[in-house]
């Protein structure tokens, strides 16, 4: 069993410790083979705990310092302070976290949605957000930036990790209409696919929203759908008729 973790990093976030973890190096097997960190999956809870512990240790912390929320595709962001109970936080419905506390590892799960890690190294403020199409359209990116600014961040940098790319993201006309109703210019994030249906550029949309929020931003250019050896993908699992799917984890710590 492979135990070496693969951790993708980005220069833009340096020198803040961070990582977009692939599925490599985990203890899970079968559908979840590799580093499945999703406690909401049907994988064995004790195996998921082993995987999450490996992630925390790779970030220089114990599992008790690995912060997470119950992701619901919202624009809600939690600010973690010294008084925050991380165990209770894990059950809190939200999709972003920010903190100035050293040693607290902010983490988000994804399996096609955008994991976004934020940092203002000079101000000592970090953030993490789960931004699928619904959260991104609903404002989770801007809410995370605002929460960081409330903590003193002024020069925020952000990186979008592995996510589904436009070439793999076929959607319906109703989906596209929700974006056009918000802003007709969002039509530029849709192109015609082989089936004549719209193809949505989720990371392109995320980058636009980040930059309009005044953030220096980049994408790692990894497509979750197109690389089954390295990434879990909800859409790929659906297309394959799989009963469940693994969740990737992305993390950042001061």
C-alpha atoms as a PDB file:
ATOM      1  CA  UNK A   1       0.000   0.000   0.000  1.00  0.00           C
ATOM      2  CA  UNK A   2       1.354   3.371  -1.017  1.00  0.00           C
ATOM      3  CA  UNK A   3       1.904   5.666   1.956  1.00  0.00           C
ATOM      4  CA  UNK A   4       3.788   8.589   0.418  1.00  0.00           C
ATOM      5  CA  UNK A   5       1.573  11.644   0.315  1.00  0.00           C
ATOM      6  CA  UNK A   6       1.507  13.810  -2.796  1.00  0.00           C
ATOM      7  CA  UNK A   7       1.089  17.461  -1.843  1.00  0.00           C
ATOM      8  CA  UNK A   8       0.689  20.152  -4.489  1.00  0.00           C
ATOM      9  CA  UNK A   9       1.856  23.625  -3.517  1.00  0.00           C
ATOM     10  CA  UNK A  10       1.853  27.056  -5.137  1.00  0.00           C
ATOM     11  CA  UNK A  11       4.544  29.746  -5.122  1.00  0.00           C
ATOM     12  CA  UNK A  12       1.882  32.421  -4.779  1.00  0.00           C
ATOM     13  CA  UNK A  13       1.120  31.282  -1.215  1.00  0.00           C
ATOM     14  CA  UNK A  14       4.744  31.023  -0.089  1.00  0.00           C
ATOM     15  CA  UNK A  15       6.071  31.154   2.587  1.00  0.00           C
ATOM     16  CA  UNK A  16       2.822  30.062   4.261  1.00  0.00           C
ATOM     17  CA  UNK A  17       2.635  26.296   4.749  1.00  0.00           C
ATOM     18  CA  UNK A  18      -0.124  24.813   2.610  1.00  0.00           C
ATOM     19  CA  UNK A  19      -1.000  21.887   0.418  1.00  0.00           C
ATOM     20  CA  UNK A  20      -3.543  20.544  -2.048  1.00  0.00           C
ATOM     21  CA  UNK A  21      -3.416  16.819  -1.310  1.00  0.00           C
ATOM     22  CA  UNK A  22      -4.040  14.284  -4.058  1.00  0.00           C
ATOM     23  CA  UNK A  23      -5.520  10.827  -3.379  1.00  0.00           C
ATOM     24  CA  UNK A  24      -2.056   9.278  -3.141  1.00  0.00           C
ATOM     25  CA  UNK A  25      -0.678   8.026   0.148  1.00  0.00           C
ATOM     26  CA  UNK A  26      -3.884   7.175   1.962  1.00  0.00           C
ATOM     27  CA  UNK A  27      -5.104   4.102   3.813  1.00  0.00           C
ATOM     28  CA  UNK A  28      -8.482   3.731   2.090  1.00  0.00           C
ATOM     29  CA  UNK A  29      -9.266   0.973  -0.384  1.00  0.00           C
ATOM     30  CA  UNK A  30     -11.850   0.111  -3.028  1.00  0.00           C
ATOM     31  CA  UNK A  31     -13.862   3.075  -4.306  1.00  0.00           C
ATOM     32  CA  UNK A  32     -11.989   5.299  -1.867  1.00  0.00           C
ATOM     33  CA  UNK A  33      -8.524   3.961  -2.641  1.00  0.00           C
ATOM     34  CA  UNK A  34      -5.995   6.447  -1.333  1.00  0.00           C
ATOM     35  CA  UNK A  35      -6.327   9.531   0.841  1.00  0.00           C
ATOM     36  CA  UNK A  36     -10.079   9.836   1.308  1.00  0.00           C
ATOM     37  CA  UNK A  37     -10.650  12.508   3.968  1.00  0.00           C
ATOM     38  CA  UNK A  38     -14.422  12.697   3.745  1.00  0.00           C
ATOM     39  CA  UNK A  39     -16.121  11.857   7.008  1.00  0.00           C
ATOM     40  CA  UNK A  40     -19.414  12.137   5.148  1.00  0.00           C
ATOM     41  CA  UNK A  41     -18.475   9.286   2.818  1.00  0.00           C
ATOM     42  CA  UNK A  42     -19.384   5.640   3.437  1.00  0.00           C
ATOM     43  CA  UNK A  43     -15.714   4.767   3.908  1.00  0.00           C
ATOM     44  CA  UNK A  44     -14.705   3.255   7.263  1.00  0.00           C
ATOM     45  CA  UNK A  45     -14.562   6.038   9.877  1.00  0.00           C
ATOM     46  CA  UNK A  46     -11.347   4.753  11.422  1.00  0.00           C
ATOM     47  CA  UNK A  47      -9.645   4.699   8.012  1.00  0.00           C
ATOM     48  CA  UNK A  48     -10.756   8.255   7.260  1.00  0.00           C
ATOM     49  CA  UNK A  49      -9.353   9.267  10.668  1.00  0.00           C
ATOM     50  CA  UNK A  50      -5.999   7.719   9.745  1.00  0.00           C
ATOM     51  CA  UNK A  51      -5.985   9.684   6.488  1.00  0.00           C
ATOM     52  CA  UNK A  52      -6.867  12.943   8.217  1.00  0.00           C
ATOM     53  CA  UNK A  53      -4.162  12.346  10.822  1.00  0.00           C
ATOM     54  CA  UNK A  54      -1.600  11.924   8.041  1.00  0.00           C
ATOM     55  CA  UNK A  55      -2.703  15.253   6.572  1.00  0.00           C
ATOM     56  CA  UNK A  56      -2.471  17.058   9.908  1.00  0.00           C
ATOM     57  CA  UNK A  57       1.001  15.631  10.555  1.00  0.00           C
ATOM     58  CA  UNK A  58       2.134  16.645   7.071  1.00  0.00           C
ATOM     59  CA  UNK A  59       1.064  20.187   7.985  1.00  0.00           C
ATOM     60  CA  UNK A  60       3.040  20.009  11.236  1.00  0.00           C
ATOM     61  CA  UNK A  61       0.083  19.590  13.569  1.00  0.00           C
ATOM     62  CA  UNK A  62      -1.887  17.011  15.503  1.00  0.00           C
ATOM     63  CA  UNK A  63      -5.281  15.815  14.297  1.00  0.00           C
ATOM     64  CA  UNK A  64      -6.961  17.864  17.044  1.00  0.00           C
ATOM     65  CA  UNK A  65      -5.727  21.033  15.294  1.00  0.00           C
ATOM     66  CA  UNK A  66      -7.221  20.148  11.912  1.00  0.00           C
ATOM     67  CA  UNK A  67     -10.136  22.560  11.514  1.00  0.00           C
ATOM     68  CA  UNK A  68     -13.084  21.822   9.243  1.00  0.00           C
ATOM     69  CA  UNK A  69     -16.735  22.780   8.778  1.00  0.00           C
ATOM     70  CA  UNK A  70     -19.837  20.969   7.528  1.00  0.00           C
ATOM     71  CA  UNK A  71     -19.806  22.146   3.913  1.00  0.00           C
ATOM     72  CA  UNK A  72     -23.185  23.031   2.410  1.00  0.00           C
ATOM     73  CA  UNK A  73     -22.433  25.190  -0.692  1.00  0.00           C
ATOM     74  CA  UNK A  74     -23.152  28.386   1.240  1.00  0.00           C
ATOM     75  CA  UNK A  75     -21.453  31.779   1.486  1.00  0.00           C
ATOM     76  CA  UNK A  76     -20.999  31.427   5.259  1.00  0.00           C
ATOM     77  CA  UNK A  77     -17.506  31.881   6.686  1.00  0.00           C
ATOM     78  CA  UNK A  78     -16.333  31.096  10.223  1.00  0.00           C
ATOM     79  CA  UNK A  79     -13.617  33.078  12.012  1.00  0.00           C
ATOM     80  CA  UNK A  80     -11.547  30.812  14.248  1.00  0.00           C
ATOM     81  CA  UNK A  81     -10.292  32.339  17.490  1.00  0.00           C
ATOM     82  CA  UNK A  82      -8.611  30.932  20.591  1.00  0.00           C
ATOM     83  CA  UNK A  83     -12.107  30.320  22.006  1.00  0.00           C
ATOM     84  CA  UNK A  84     -13.318  28.253  19.050  1.00  0.00           C
ATOM     85  CA  UNK A  85     -14.143  24.612  19.798  1.00  0.00           C
ATOM     86  CA  UNK A  86     -12.844  22.825  16.701  1.00  0.00           C
ATOM     87  CA  UNK A  87     -14.931  19.735  17.415  1.00  0.00           C
ATOM     88  CA  UNK A  88     -18.139  21.794  17.395  1.00  0.00           C
ATOM     89  CA  UNK A  89     -16.887  23.736  14.391  1.00  0.00           C
ATOM     90  CA  UNK A  90     -16.795  20.503  12.366  1.00  0.00           C
ATOM     91  CA  UNK A  91     -20.593  20.272  12.677  1.00  0.00           C
ATOM     92  CA  UNK A  92     -21.167  23.941  11.808  1.00  0.00           C
ATOM     93  CA  UNK A  93     -22.742  24.538   8.400  1.00  0.00           C
ATOM     94  CA  UNK A  94     -20.383  26.838   6.480  1.00  0.00           C
ATOM     95  CA  UNK A  95     -18.006  26.800   3.528  1.00  0.00           C
ATOM     96  CA  UNK A  96     -15.153  29.066   4.558  1.00  0.00           C
ATOM     97  CA  UNK A  97     -12.817  29.638   7.492  1.00  0.00           C
ATOM     98  CA  UNK A  98     -10.305  32.323   8.409  1.00  0.00           C
ATOM     99  CA  UNK A  99      -7.874  32.707  11.298  1.00  0.00           C
ATOM    100  CA  UNK A 100      -4.799  34.476  12.666  1.00  0.00           C
ATOM    101  CA  UNK A 101      -3.968  31.606  15.027  1.00  0.00           C
ATOM    102  CA  UNK A 102      -0.666  29.808  14.425  1.00  0.00           C
ATOM    103  CA  UNK A 103      -0.905  26.031  14.420  1.00  0.00           C
ATOM    104  CA  UNK A 104      -4.569  25.755  13.414  1.00  0.00           C
ATOM    105  CA  UNK A 105      -4.813  23.908  10.092  1.00  0.00           C
ATOM    106  CA  UNK A 106      -7.710  25.180   7.979  1.00  0.00           C
ATOM    107  CA  UNK A 107      -9.002  22.453   5.677  1.00  0.00           C
ATOM    108  CA  UNK A 108     -11.663  22.054   3.016  1.00  0.00           C
ATOM    109  CA  UNK A 109     -12.881  18.962   1.191  1.00  0.00           C
ATOM    110  CA  UNK A 110     -13.632  18.721  -2.503  1.00  0.00           C
ATOM    111  CA  UNK A 111     -14.291  16.262  -5.316  1.00  0.00           C
ATOM    112  CA  UNK A 112     -14.733  18.627  -8.319  1.00  0.00           C
ATOM    113  CA  UNK A 113     -15.658  21.856  -6.491  1.00  0.00           C
ATOM    114  CA  UNK A 114     -12.940  24.467  -6.074  1.00  0.00           C
ATOM    115  CA  UNK A 115     -10.783  24.283  -2.949  1.00  0.00           C
ATOM    116  CA  UNK A 116      -9.364  27.781  -2.464  1.00  0.00           C
ATOM    117  CA  UNK A 117      -6.547  28.603  -0.036  1.00  0.00           C
ATOM    118  CA  UNK A 118      -5.914  32.245   0.945  1.00  0.00           C
ATOM    119  CA  UNK A 119      -3.017  33.964   2.699  1.00  0.00           C
ATOM    120  CA  UNK A 120      -1.709  37.366   3.678  1.00  0.00           C
ATOM    121  CA  UNK A 121       1.666  36.301   5.046  1.00  0.00           C
ATOM    122  CA  UNK A 122       2.637  39.794   6.169  1.00  0.00           C
ATOM    123  CA  UNK A 123      -0.559  40.333   8.160  1.00  0.00           C
ATOM    124  CA  UNK A 124      -0.589  36.758   9.452  1.00  0.00           C
ATOM    125  CA  UNK A 125      -4.057  35.902   8.184  1.00  0.00           C
ATOM    126  CA  UNK A 126      -5.101  32.764   6.316  1.00  0.00           C
ATOM    127  CA  UNK A 127      -8.331  31.435   4.866  1.00  0.00           C
ATOM    128  CA  UNK A 128      -9.794  28.406   3.141  1.00  0.00           C
ATOM    129  CA  UNK A 129     -12.993  28.079   1.134  1.00  0.00           C
ATOM    130  CA  UNK A 130     -15.031  25.381  -0.578  1.00  0.00           C
ATOM    131  CA  UNK A 131     -16.366  27.025  -3.732  1.00  0.00           C
ATOM    132  CA  UNK A 132     -18.487  24.953  -6.052  1.00  0.00           C
ATOM    133  CA  UNK A 133     -20.587  26.742  -8.636  1.00  0.00           C
ATOM    134  CA  UNK A 134     -23.331  27.498  -6.104  1.00  0.00           C
ATOM    135  CA  UNK A 135     -20.978  28.839  -3.434  1.00  0.00           C
ATOM    136  CA  UNK A 136     -18.951  30.839  -5.941  1.00  0.00           C
ATOM    137  CA  UNK A 137     -22.069  32.394  -7.453  1.00  0.00           C
ATOM    138  CA  UNK A 138     -23.480  32.968  -3.973  1.00  0.00           C
ATOM    139  CA  UNK A 139     -20.452  34.898  -2.729  1.00  0.00           C
ATOM    140  CA  UNK A 140     -18.322  32.558  -0.601  1.00  0.00           C
ATOM    141  CA  UNK A 141     -15.150  33.938  -2.182  1.00  0.00           C
ATOM    142  CA  UNK A 142     -15.988  37.551  -1.349  1.00  0.00           C
ATOM    143  CA  UNK A 143     -17.175  36.567   2.134  1.00  0.00           C
ATOM    144  CA  UNK A 144     -13.853  34.836   2.850  1.00  0.00           C
ATOM    145  CA  UNK A 145     -11.918  37.867   1.634  1.00  0.00           C
ATOM    146  CA  UNK A 146     -14.055  40.191   3.791  1.00  0.00           C
ATOM    147  CA  UNK A 147     -13.542  38.013   6.869  1.00  0.00           C
ATOM    148  CA  UNK A 148      -9.779  38.078   6.302  1.00  0.00           C
ATOM    149  CA  UNK A 149      -9.834  41.854   5.896  1.00  0.00           C
ATOM    150  CA  UNK A 150     -11.713  42.107   9.192  1.00  0.00           C
ATOM    151  CA  UNK A 151      -8.690  40.378  10.739  1.00  0.00           C
ATOM    152  CA  UNK A 152      -6.275  42.869   9.206  1.00  0.00           C
ATOM    153  CA  UNK A 153      -5.431  41.320   5.831  1.00  0.00           C
ATOM    154  CA  UNK A 154      -4.599  43.850   3.141  1.00  0.00           C
ATOM    155  CA  UNK A 155      -2.617  41.978   0.482  1.00  0.00           C
ATOM    156  CA  UNK A 156      -4.386  38.657   0.017  1.00  0.00           C
ATOM    157  CA  UNK A 157      -3.190  35.956  -2.322  1.00  0.00           C
ATOM    158  CA  UNK A 158      -5.274  32.928  -3.231  1.00  0.00           C
ATOM    159  CA  UNK A 159      -4.848  29.709  -5.174  1.00  0.00           C
ATOM    160  CA  UNK A 160      -7.552  27.463  -6.586  1.00  0.00           C
ATOM    161  CA  UNK A 161      -6.565  23.830  -6.256  1.00  0.00           C
ATOM    162  CA  UNK A 162      -7.577  20.788  -8.316  1.00  0.00           C
ATOM    163  CA  UNK A 163     -11.120  21.246  -9.623  1.00  0.00           C
ATOM    164  CA  UNK A 164     -13.207  20.165 -12.574  1.00  0.00           C
ATOM    165  CA  UNK A 165     -12.097  21.926 -15.762  1.00  0.00           C
ATOM    166  CA  UNK A 166     -14.292  23.337 -18.495  1.00  0.00           C
ATOM    167  CA  UNK A 167     -13.633  20.493 -20.905  1.00  0.00           C
ATOM    168  CA  UNK A 168     -15.221  18.051 -18.417  1.00  0.00           C
ATOM    169  CA  UNK A 169     -18.032  20.211 -17.050  1.00  0.00           C
ATOM    170  CA  UNK A 170     -21.131  19.880 -19.227  1.00  0.00           C
ATOM    171  CA  UNK A 171     -24.175  21.660 -17.786  1.00  0.00           C
ATOM    172  CA  UNK A 172     -27.752  22.441 -18.781  1.00  0.00           C
ATOM    173  CA  UNK A 173     -29.290  25.615 -20.132  1.00  0.00           C
ATOM    174  CA  UNK A 174     -31.081  26.200 -16.800  1.00  0.00           C
ATOM    175  CA  UNK A 175     -27.704  26.125 -15.056  1.00  0.00           C
ATOM    176  CA  UNK A 176     -26.290  28.731 -17.441  1.00  0.00           C
ATOM    177  CA  UNK A 177     -29.416  30.875 -17.100  1.00  0.00           C
ATOM    178  CA  UNK A 178     -28.797  31.262 -13.346  1.00  0.00           C
ATOM    179  CA  UNK A 179     -25.435  32.870 -14.128  1.00  0.00           C
ATOM    180  CA  UNK A 180     -26.769  35.049 -16.950  1.00  0.00           C
ATOM    181  CA  UNK A 181     -29.557  36.286 -14.683  1.00  0.00           C
ATOM    182  CA  UNK A 182     -26.908  37.425 -12.202  1.00  0.00           C
ATOM    183  CA  UNK A 183     -24.762  39.105 -14.871  1.00  0.00           C
ATOM    184  CA  UNK A 184     -25.084  38.705 -18.659  1.00  0.00           C
ATOM    185  CA  UNK A 185     -21.301  39.052 -18.974  1.00  0.00           C
ATOM    186  CA  UNK A 186     -20.937  35.666 -17.224  1.00  0.00           C
ATOM    187  CA  UNK A 187     -21.776  34.142 -20.592  1.00  0.00           C
ATOM    188  CA  UNK A 188     -18.045  34.230 -21.325  1.00  0.00           C
ATOM    189  CA  UNK A 189     -17.557  31.331 -18.904  1.00  0.00           C
ATOM    190  CA  UNK A 190     -19.665  29.027 -21.063  1.00  0.00           C
ATOM    191  CA  UNK A 191     -18.818  27.431 -24.392  1.00  0.00           C
ATOM    192  CA  UNK A 192     -20.569  24.907 -26.608  1.00  0.00           C
ATOM    193  CA  UNK A 193     -19.722  21.264 -26.013  1.00  0.00           C
ATOM    194  CA  UNK A 194     -19.737  18.269 -28.339  1.00  0.00           C
ATOM    195  CA  UNK A 195     -23.350  17.540 -27.396  1.00  0.00           C
ATOM    196  CA  UNK A 196     -24.410  21.116 -28.049  1.00  0.00           C
ATOM    197  CA  UNK A 197     -24.763  21.728 -24.318  1.00  0.00           C
ATOM    198  CA  UNK A 198     -22.929  24.465 -22.399  1.00  0.00           C
ATOM    199  CA  UNK A 199     -19.519  23.708 -20.863  1.00  0.00           C
ATOM    200  CA  UNK A 200     -18.813  25.742 -17.720  1.00  0.00           C
ATOM    201  CA  UNK A 201     -15.398  27.150 -16.767  1.00  0.00           C
ATOM    202  CA  UNK A 202     -15.570  26.902 -12.961  1.00  0.00           C
ATOM    203  CA  UNK A 203     -11.915  27.848 -12.234  1.00  0.00           C
ATOM    204  CA  UNK A 204     -12.122  30.699 -14.728  1.00  0.00           C
ATOM    205  CA  UNK A 205     -15.185  31.998 -12.907  1.00  0.00           C
ATOM    206  CA  UNK A 206     -13.435  31.578  -9.553  1.00  0.00           C
ATOM    207  CA  UNK A 207     -10.370  33.476 -10.730  1.00  0.00           C
ATOM    208  CA  UNK A 208     -12.544  36.328 -11.977  1.00  0.00           C
ATOM    209  CA  UNK A 209     -14.378  36.608  -8.662  1.00  0.00           C
ATOM    210  CA  UNK A 210     -11.103  36.505  -6.730  1.00  0.00           C
ATOM    211  CA  UNK A 211      -9.482  39.202  -8.863  1.00  0.00           C
ATOM    212  CA  UNK A 212     -12.555  41.424  -8.731  1.00  0.00           C
ATOM    213  CA  UNK A 213     -12.317  41.125  -4.937  1.00  0.00           C
ATOM    214  CA  UNK A 214      -8.792  42.562  -5.145  1.00  0.00           C
ATOM    215  CA  UNK A 215      -6.967  39.278  -4.643  1.00  0.00           C
ATOM    216  CA  UNK A 216      -3.863  38.082  -6.504  1.00  0.00           C
ATOM    217  CA  UNK A 217      -4.971  34.666  -7.700  1.00  0.00           C
ATOM    218  CA  UNK A 218      -3.952  31.571  -9.623  1.00  0.00           C
ATOM    219  CA  UNK A 219      -5.190  28.039 -10.403  1.00  0.00           C
ATOM    220  CA  UNK A 220      -2.972  24.957 -10.181  1.00  0.00           C
ATOM    221  CA  UNK A 221      -4.419  23.760 -13.534  1.00  0.00           C
ATOM    222  CA  UNK A 222      -5.253  20.276 -12.301  1.00  0.00           C
ATOM    223  CA  UNK A 223      -8.560  18.771 -13.474  1.00  0.00           C
ATOM    224  CA  UNK A 224     -10.138  16.370 -10.979  1.00  0.00           C
ATOM    225  CA  UNK A 225     -12.322  14.632 -13.554  1.00  0.00           C
ATOM    226  CA  UNK A 226      -9.552  13.924 -16.037  1.00  0.00           C
ATOM    227  CA  UNK A 227      -6.946  12.362 -13.716  1.00  0.00           C
ATOM    228  CA  UNK A 228      -8.422   9.395 -11.793  1.00  0.00           C
ATOM    229  CA  UNK A 229      -5.017   8.252 -10.564  1.00  0.00           C
ATOM    230  CA  UNK A 230      -4.515  11.460  -8.591  1.00  0.00           C
ATOM    231  CA  UNK A 231      -7.941  12.904  -7.874  1.00  0.00           C
ATOM    232  CA  UNK A 232     -11.393  11.926  -6.672  1.00  0.00           C
ATOM    233  CA  UNK A 233     -14.265  13.259  -8.776  1.00  0.00           C
ATOM    234  CA  UNK A 234     -17.964  13.282  -7.947  1.00  0.00           C
ATOM    235  CA  UNK A 235     -18.925  13.661 -11.594  1.00  0.00           C
ATOM    236  CA  UNK A 236     -16.639  10.867 -12.763  1.00  0.00           C
ATOM    237  CA  UNK A 237     -18.013   8.568 -10.039  1.00  0.00           C
ATOM    238  CA  UNK A 238     -21.547   9.432 -11.176  1.00  0.00           C
ATOM    239  CA  UNK A 239     -20.727   8.703 -14.813  1.00  0.00           C
ATOM    240  CA  UNK A 240     -19.182   5.381 -13.791  1.00  0.00           C
ATOM    241  CA  UNK A 241     -22.231   4.447 -11.718  1.00  0.00           C
ATOM    242  CA  UNK A 242     -20.157   4.232  -8.524  1.00  0.00           C
ATOM    243  CA  UNK A 243     -22.004   4.028  -5.203  1.00  0.00           C
ATOM    244  CA  UNK A 244     -19.889   6.742  -3.569  1.00  0.00           C
ATOM    245  CA  UNK A 245     -16.718   8.775  -4.055  1.00  0.00           C
ATOM    246  CA  UNK A 246     -13.719   9.951  -2.073  1.00  0.00           C
ATOM    247  CA  UNK A 247     -13.044  13.520  -0.959  1.00  0.00           C
ATOM    248  CA  UNK A 248      -9.775  15.357  -1.502  1.00  0.00           C
ATOM    249  CA  UNK A 249      -8.446  17.676   1.187  1.00  0.00           C
ATOM    250  CA  UNK A 250      -6.669  21.014   0.926  1.00  0.00           C
ATOM    251  CA  UNK A 251      -5.074  22.693   3.934  1.00  0.00           C
ATOM    252  CA  UNK A 252      -3.201  25.787   5.108  1.00  0.00           C
ATOM    253  CA  UNK A 253      -1.579  26.757   8.421  1.00  0.00           C
ATOM    254  CA  UNK A 254       0.366  29.670   9.893  1.00  0.00           C
END
